[in-house]
Protein backbone atom coordinates (compact mmCIF):
# COMPACT_ATOMS: atom_id res chain seq x y z
CA MET A 1 -10.42 -0.54 0.07
CA LYS A 2 -12.25 -2.94 -2.23
CA PHE A 3 -10.77 -6.11 -3.71
CA ALA A 4 -11.25 -8.42 -6.67
CA THR A 5 -9.39 -11.55 -7.69
CA ARG A 6 -8.52 -13.38 -10.90
CA LEU A 7 -11.34 -15.72 -11.88
CA ASN A 8 -9.15 -17.98 -14.03
CA SER A 9 -7.28 -19.03 -10.88
CA PHE A 10 -10.52 -20.77 -9.84
CA ASN A 11 -11.69 -21.78 -13.29
CA GLY A 12 -9.91 -25.06 -13.96
CA THR A 13 -13.04 -26.75 -15.30
CA GLY A 14 -14.05 -23.84 -17.53
CA ASP A 15 -17.31 -23.46 -15.59
CA ALA A 16 -17.55 -19.74 -14.79
CA ALA A 17 -20.48 -20.21 -12.39
CA ALA A 18 -18.55 -22.77 -10.33
CA ALA A 19 -15.51 -20.50 -10.26
CA LEU A 20 -17.61 -17.54 -9.13
CA ARG A 21 -19.06 -19.59 -6.30
CA ARG A 22 -15.53 -20.34 -5.07
CA VAL A 23 -14.59 -16.67 -5.19
CA ALA A 24 -17.77 -15.64 -3.38
CA ALA A 25 -16.84 -17.90 -0.47
CA ILE A 26 -13.72 -15.81 0.27
CA GLU A 27 -14.58 -13.19 2.87
CA GLY A 28 -13.23 -9.77 1.93
CA ILE A 29 -13.31 -10.25 -1.85
CA ASP A 30 -16.55 -8.75 -3.10
CA TYR A 31 -15.71 -7.82 -6.70
CA VAL A 32 -14.81 -9.78 -9.79
CA ASP A 33 -13.39 -9.06 -13.24
CA LEU A 34 -14.71 -11.16 -16.11
CA ASN A 35 -12.96 -11.89 -19.41
CA TYR A 36 -14.96 -11.37 -22.57
CA PRO A 37 -15.95 -13.52 -24.32
CA GLU A 38 -14.52 -16.56 -22.48
CA HIS A 39 -16.29 -16.18 -19.13
CA PHE A 40 -19.63 -15.66 -20.87
CA THR A 41 -19.60 -18.94 -22.78
CA THR A 42 -21.03 -21.01 -19.90
CA VAL A 43 -23.01 -18.14 -18.36
CA GLY A 44 -24.75 -15.89 -20.87
CA VAL A 45 -24.56 -12.10 -20.80
CA GLU A 46 -28.13 -11.68 -19.52
CA ALA A 47 -27.71 -14.42 -16.91
CA MET A 48 -24.47 -13.06 -15.46
CA LYS A 49 -25.79 -10.21 -13.29
CA PRO A 50 -28.48 -12.32 -11.58
CA LEU A 51 -25.79 -14.92 -10.82
CA LEU A 52 -23.43 -12.28 -9.41
CA ASP A 53 -26.21 -10.68 -7.36
CA GLY A 54 -27.14 -14.03 -5.88
CA LEU A 55 -23.53 -14.65 -4.87
CA GLY A 56 -23.04 -11.18 -3.39
CA LEU A 57 -20.44 -10.23 -6.00
CA THR A 58 -20.17 -7.01 -8.02
CA LEU A 59 -18.73 -6.82 -11.52
CA ASN A 60 -15.75 -4.48 -11.48
CA SER A 61 -14.69 -4.69 -15.11
CA VAL A 62 -15.04 -6.70 -18.28
CA ALA A 63 -11.57 -7.45 -19.66
CA MET A 64 -11.31 -8.02 -23.39
CA ARG A 65 -9.54 -11.19 -24.50
CA PHE A 66 -8.47 -11.42 -28.12
CA ARG A 67 -7.35 -14.93 -29.02
CA ARG A 68 -5.49 -16.48 -31.93
CA ASP A 69 -7.84 -15.17 -34.61
CA PHE A 70 -6.17 -11.83 -33.91
CA ALA A 71 -2.57 -13.10 -33.76
CA ALA A 72 -1.49 -10.57 -36.41
CA GLY A 73 -3.03 -7.66 -34.51
CA GLU A 74 -6.30 -6.37 -33.11
CA TYR A 75 -6.95 -2.69 -33.81
CA SER A 76 -3.95 -2.33 -36.15
CA ASN A 77 -4.42 -5.56 -38.10
CA VAL A 78 -3.67 -4.97 -41.80
CA ASP A 79 -6.65 -7.16 -42.67
CA GLU A 80 -9.48 -4.66 -42.31
CA LYS A 81 -12.05 -7.44 -41.85
CA ILE A 82 -10.19 -8.85 -38.82
CA ARG A 83 -9.58 -5.35 -37.46
CA GLN A 84 -13.31 -4.64 -37.63
CA GLU A 85 -14.02 -7.96 -35.91
CA ALA A 86 -11.78 -6.86 -33.02
CA ILE A 87 -13.64 -3.56 -32.77
CA ASP A 88 -17.03 -5.29 -32.93
CA LEU A 89 -15.95 -7.82 -30.30
CA THR A 90 -15.05 -4.90 -28.01
CA LYS A 91 -18.46 -3.33 -28.59
CA ALA A 92 -20.02 -6.63 -27.53
CA GLY A 93 -17.79 -6.52 -24.44
CA ILE A 94 -19.04 -3.03 -23.68
CA ASP A 95 -22.62 -4.29 -23.92
CA ALA A 96 -21.75 -7.22 -21.62
CA ALA A 97 -20.29 -4.85 -19.04
CA VAL A 98 -23.44 -2.72 -19.03
CA ALA A 99 -25.64 -5.80 -18.72
CA GLY A 100 -23.49 -6.97 -15.79
CA GLY A 101 -23.78 -3.65 -13.97
CA SER A 102 -20.31 -2.25 -14.72
CA ASP A 103 -19.20 0.87 -16.57
CA LEU A 104 -15.60 -0.28 -17.10
CA VAL A 105 -14.00 -2.29 -19.94
CA THR A 106 -10.29 -3.12 -19.73
CA VAL A 107 -8.44 -3.43 -23.04
CA TRP A 108 -5.06 -5.15 -23.34
CA LEU A 109 -3.91 -5.31 -26.96
CA GLY A 110 -1.55 -8.26 -26.68
CA PHE A 111 -1.26 -8.79 -30.43
CA ASP A 112 -1.01 -5.17 -31.54
CA GLY A 113 2.75 -5.17 -31.86
CA PHE A 114 5.59 -6.56 -33.94
CA ASP A 115 8.32 -9.17 -33.84
CA TYR A 116 10.78 -7.99 -36.50
CA THR A 117 12.23 -4.80 -37.89
CA PHE A 118 10.50 -3.54 -41.05
CA GLN A 119 7.26 -5.25 -39.95
CA LYS A 120 5.28 -2.29 -38.64
CA ASP A 121 4.25 1.11 -39.93
CA TYR A 122 4.53 2.64 -36.47
CA VAL A 123 2.88 5.98 -37.12
CA ALA A 124 0.07 4.71 -39.35
CA ASP A 125 -0.73 1.76 -37.12
CA GLU A 126 -0.74 3.91 -33.99
CA ALA A 127 -3.24 6.15 -35.76
CA ARG A 128 -5.44 3.12 -36.52
CA ILE A 129 -5.37 2.11 -32.85
CA VAL A 130 -6.32 5.66 -31.87
CA GLU A 131 -9.19 5.67 -34.37
CA ALA A 132 -10.46 2.36 -33.02
CA PHE A 133 -10.48 3.65 -29.44
CA GLN A 134 -12.25 6.82 -30.52
CA GLU A 135 -14.95 4.77 -32.26
CA LEU A 136 -15.33 2.58 -29.19
CA ALA A 137 -15.40 5.52 -26.79
CA ASP A 138 -18.15 7.15 -28.84
CA TYR A 139 -20.10 3.87 -29.08
CA ASN A 140 -21.20 4.25 -25.45
CA PRO A 141 -19.82 7.36 -23.73
CA ALA A 142 -21.23 6.16 -20.38
CA VAL A 143 -18.75 3.26 -20.39
CA ARG A 144 -15.10 3.86 -19.55
CA LEU A 145 -12.38 2.13 -21.58
CA SER A 146 -9.18 1.44 -19.66
CA ILE A 147 -5.95 0.66 -21.54
CA GLU A 148 -3.70 -1.93 -19.89
CA TYR A 149 -0.17 -1.81 -21.24
CA LYS A 150 2.42 -4.57 -21.41
CA PRO A 151 5.82 -4.29 -23.11
CA TYR A 152 5.86 -7.76 -24.70
CA GLU A 153 4.06 -11.11 -24.65
CA GLU A 154 2.17 -11.96 -26.90
CA ARG A 155 4.38 -10.07 -29.38
CA VAL A 156 8.10 -9.39 -29.03
CA HIS A 157 7.27 -5.66 -28.89
CA SER A 158 3.89 -4.09 -28.08
CA MET A 159 2.62 -0.90 -29.65
CA ILE A 160 1.37 0.23 -26.22
CA GLY A 161 4.27 -1.06 -24.15
CA SER A 162 5.12 1.51 -21.49
CA LEU A 163 3.79 4.21 -19.22
CA GLY A 164 4.97 6.88 -21.66
CA ALA A 165 3.30 5.18 -24.62
CA THR A 166 0.08 4.90 -22.62
CA ILE A 167 0.03 8.56 -21.61
CA ASN A 168 0.82 9.55 -25.19
CA ILE A 169 -1.96 7.46 -26.71
CA LEU A 170 -4.47 8.73 -24.15
CA LYS A 171 -3.70 12.25 -25.33
CA LEU A 172 -4.06 11.23 -28.97
CA ILE A 173 -7.40 9.47 -28.32
CA ASP A 174 -8.62 12.56 -26.47
CA ARG A 175 -11.78 11.10 -24.98
CA ASP A 176 -12.99 11.69 -21.42
CA ASN A 177 -14.06 8.05 -21.09
CA VAL A 178 -10.67 6.52 -21.96
CA GLY A 179 -8.12 5.98 -19.18
CA ALA A 180 -5.60 3.40 -18.02
CA THR A 181 -5.14 0.29 -15.92
CA LEU A 182 -1.76 -0.35 -14.32
CA ASP A 183 -0.52 -3.90 -13.87
CA PHE A 184 2.35 -3.97 -11.36
CA ALA A 185 4.27 -6.83 -13.04
CA HIS A 186 3.80 -5.31 -16.51
CA MET A 187 5.35 -2.09 -15.23
CA LEU A 188 8.35 -3.98 -13.87
CA MET A 189 8.76 -5.72 -17.23
CA ALA A 190 8.76 -2.34 -18.98
CA GLY A 191 11.37 -0.90 -16.62
CA ASP A 192 8.78 1.57 -15.33
CA HIS A 193 8.62 2.54 -11.67
CA PRO A 194 5.14 1.52 -10.45
CA ALA A 195 4.57 4.38 -8.03
CA LEU A 196 5.65 6.97 -10.59
CA GLY A 197 3.03 5.70 -13.03
CA ALA A 198 0.35 5.61 -10.36
CA ALA A 199 1.14 9.16 -9.24
CA GLN A 200 1.05 10.57 -12.76
CA LEU A 201 -2.18 8.88 -13.81
CA LEU A 202 -3.89 9.61 -10.49
CA ALA A 203 -2.94 13.28 -10.78
CA GLN A 204 -4.49 13.32 -14.27
CA GLY A 205 -7.64 11.51 -13.09
CA LYS A 206 -6.90 8.69 -15.54
CA LEU A 207 -6.09 5.70 -13.29
CA TRP A 208 -9.18 3.52 -13.53
CA GLY A 209 -7.80 0.06 -12.76
CA VAL A 210 -5.06 -1.48 -10.61
CA HIS A 211 -3.75 -5.03 -11.05
CA LEU A 212 -1.52 -5.95 -8.14
CA ASN A 213 0.91 -8.86 -8.26
CA ASP A 214 4.68 -9.21 -8.29
CA GLY A 215 7.46 -10.63 -10.42
CA ASN A 216 11.16 -10.81 -11.17
CA ASN A 217 11.01 -7.99 -13.74
CA ALA A 218 11.60 -9.99 -16.94
CA HIS A 219 8.31 -11.88 -17.27
CA ASP A 220 4.67 -11.71 -16.23
CA ASP A 221 5.29 -14.03 -13.28
CA GLY A 222 2.01 -13.32 -11.48
CA LEU A 223 3.56 -13.85 -8.06
CA MET A 224 1.82 -12.98 -4.81
CA ILE A 225 1.58 -9.31 -3.85
CA GLY A 226 4.66 -7.88 -2.15
CA SER A 227 6.63 -11.11 -2.42
CA ILE A 228 9.53 -9.59 -4.41
CA HIS A 229 9.06 -5.81 -4.28
CA PRO A 230 7.50 -4.96 -0.89
CA PHE A 231 8.78 -1.37 -0.72
CA GLU A 232 7.71 -0.60 -4.29
CA THR A 233 4.29 -2.00 -3.40
CA LEU A 234 4.12 0.14 -0.25
CA GLU A 235 4.99 3.25 -2.26
CA PHE A 236 2.34 2.35 -4.84
CA ILE A 237 -0.24 1.98 -2.06
CA TYR A 238 0.80 5.32 -0.57
CA TYR A 239 -0.14 7.08 -3.80
CA LEU A 240 -3.46 5.26 -4.00
CA LEU A 241 -4.26 6.48 -0.48
CA LYS A 242 -2.92 9.98 -1.10
CA TYR A 243 -5.17 10.50 -4.12
CA GLY A 244 -8.19 8.70 -2.64
CA TYR A 245 -8.29 5.86 -5.17
CA ASP A 246 -11.62 4.13 -4.58
CA ALA A 247 -11.91 1.44 -7.28
CA PRO A 248 -11.31 -2.24 -6.48
CA ILE A 249 -7.74 -3.53 -6.40
CA TYR A 250 -7.56 -6.65 -8.57
CA PHE A 251 -5.29 -9.53 -7.56
CA ASP A 252 -3.79 -10.55 -10.91
CA THR A 253 -1.72 -13.47 -9.64
CA PHE A 254 -1.25 -16.97 -11.00
CA PRO A 255 -1.47 -19.79 -8.44
CA ILE A 256 -0.16 -22.78 -10.37
CA ARG A 257 1.13 -24.99 -7.58
CA GLU A 258 -0.79 -23.14 -4.85
CA GLU A 259 -4.41 -23.73 -3.88
CA ALA A 260 -6.41 -20.82 -5.33
CA GLU A 261 -8.42 -19.94 -2.21
CA ALA A 262 -5.33 -19.98 0.02
CA GLU A 263 -3.38 -17.85 -2.45
CA ALA A 264 -6.18 -15.29 -2.71
CA ARG A 265 -6.45 -15.09 1.08
CA ALA A 266 -2.67 -14.59 1.30
CA ASN A 267 -2.92 -11.70 -1.18
CA LEU A 268 -5.76 -10.20 0.82
CA ALA A 269 -3.85 -10.48 4.10
CA THR A 270 -0.74 -8.93 2.52
CA ILE A 271 -2.48 -5.96 0.93
CA GLN A 272 -4.42 -5.25 4.13
CA LEU A 273 -1.18 -5.38 6.15
CA LEU A 274 0.60 -3.03 3.74
CA ILE A 275 -2.31 -0.59 3.78
CA GLU A 276 -2.28 -0.66 7.58
CA LYS A 277 1.48 0.03 7.58
CA VAL A 278 1.08 3.10 5.37
CA GLN A 279 -1.86 4.37 7.41
CA ALA A 280 -0.05 3.79 10.72
CA VAL A 281 3.00 5.75 9.61
CA GLY A 282 0.68 8.30 8.04
CA VAL A 283 0.15 9.59 4.51
CA ASP A 284 0.99 13.14 5.63
CA HIS A 285 4.21 12.01 7.31
CA ILE A 286 5.26 10.05 4.21
CA THR A 287 4.55 13.13 2.10
CA GLU A 288 6.78 15.23 4.35
CA VAL A 289 9.62 12.73 4.01
CA ILE A 290 9.26 12.62 0.22
CA GLN A 291 9.42 16.41 0.04
CA LYS A 292 12.85 16.34 1.69
CA ALA A 293 14.25 14.43 -1.31
CA ASP A 294 16.75 12.85 1.07
CA GLY A 295 17.95 9.25 0.73
CA VAL A 296 18.72 8.79 4.44
CA ALA A 297 15.31 10.15 5.43
CA ALA A 298 13.74 7.75 2.93
CA GLN A 299 15.64 4.83 4.50
CA LYS A 300 14.41 5.84 7.96
CA LEU A 301 10.90 5.88 6.54
CA ARG A 302 11.34 2.38 5.12
CA ASN A 303 12.45 1.26 8.58
CA GLU A 304 9.34 2.86 10.06
CA LEU A 305 7.19 0.98 7.58
CA LEU A 306 8.89 -2.24 8.68
CA GLY A 307 8.23 -1.33 12.31
CA ILE A 308 11.92 -0.82 13.11
CA SER A 309 12.91 1.95 15.50
CA VAL A 310 16.58 3.02 15.42
CA LEU A 311 17.23 4.68 18.80
CA ASN A 312 20.88 5.60 18.42
CA PRO A 313 21.85 5.73 14.77
CA VAL A 314 25.54 5.93 13.99
CA ALA A 315 26.53 9.40 12.81
């Protein structure tokens, strides 16, 4: 599999080029996601691809970042001027992705939500979000737009806040070049089961991005991969392997007290170990166990994945 890591973990000085050089020095991480517009302020759009090429890095995705100018909403903002600015900023992000050699733009609408009852026209504002995505999808059909959902933060409630809301809005947008990105910690926050979401979107051919991390369910903790939910992560990986997912896995973790290079290498070692565990036990064998729909068989499988062999189980 292919791997990318979070540039902001290395970007303490705000110098994107310096951060990219640090990432490039980590063997096994060959892809990078860039935030637009923030990571293009010190390295221009046209200069980015030559820099990446020189460092041996490939641009996986451009991730849109809407800051405080859009605090009242991005694509559903009641101020039509600000709403159009959000759409135009995304078009510029699409152009930046193309210039950087990527066909993927990740869109997280952190401000398209509400904080109070009687603050949102849910149906009308959902329609405005759908119309915005349709306009953006048609702007450059060769570029894929990937919706990343999160249930809350920045707002108390997000308009696209769950797996179900994401699948619904994809159907309403109805464009071949619009899909979804799953963030493991966001799914936990929403009360969604990560592997269920992966399986459904993979089966529909709509899973275009994976952000792996971990957390304690209530907040976007950005903890290291598998540190809290190892079995849920193993099940998630099983579905990626079953459906032949081939895009980079992005380490969306937040080393605050940890050294960024060491934390990224720990994520890399963990994900490689978990992949090896699933492959050693076997995707076909795991599928057979799942088809039994039996809790005891599932526990035996979890023991297998841990490398535990129970020779004489108690009846």
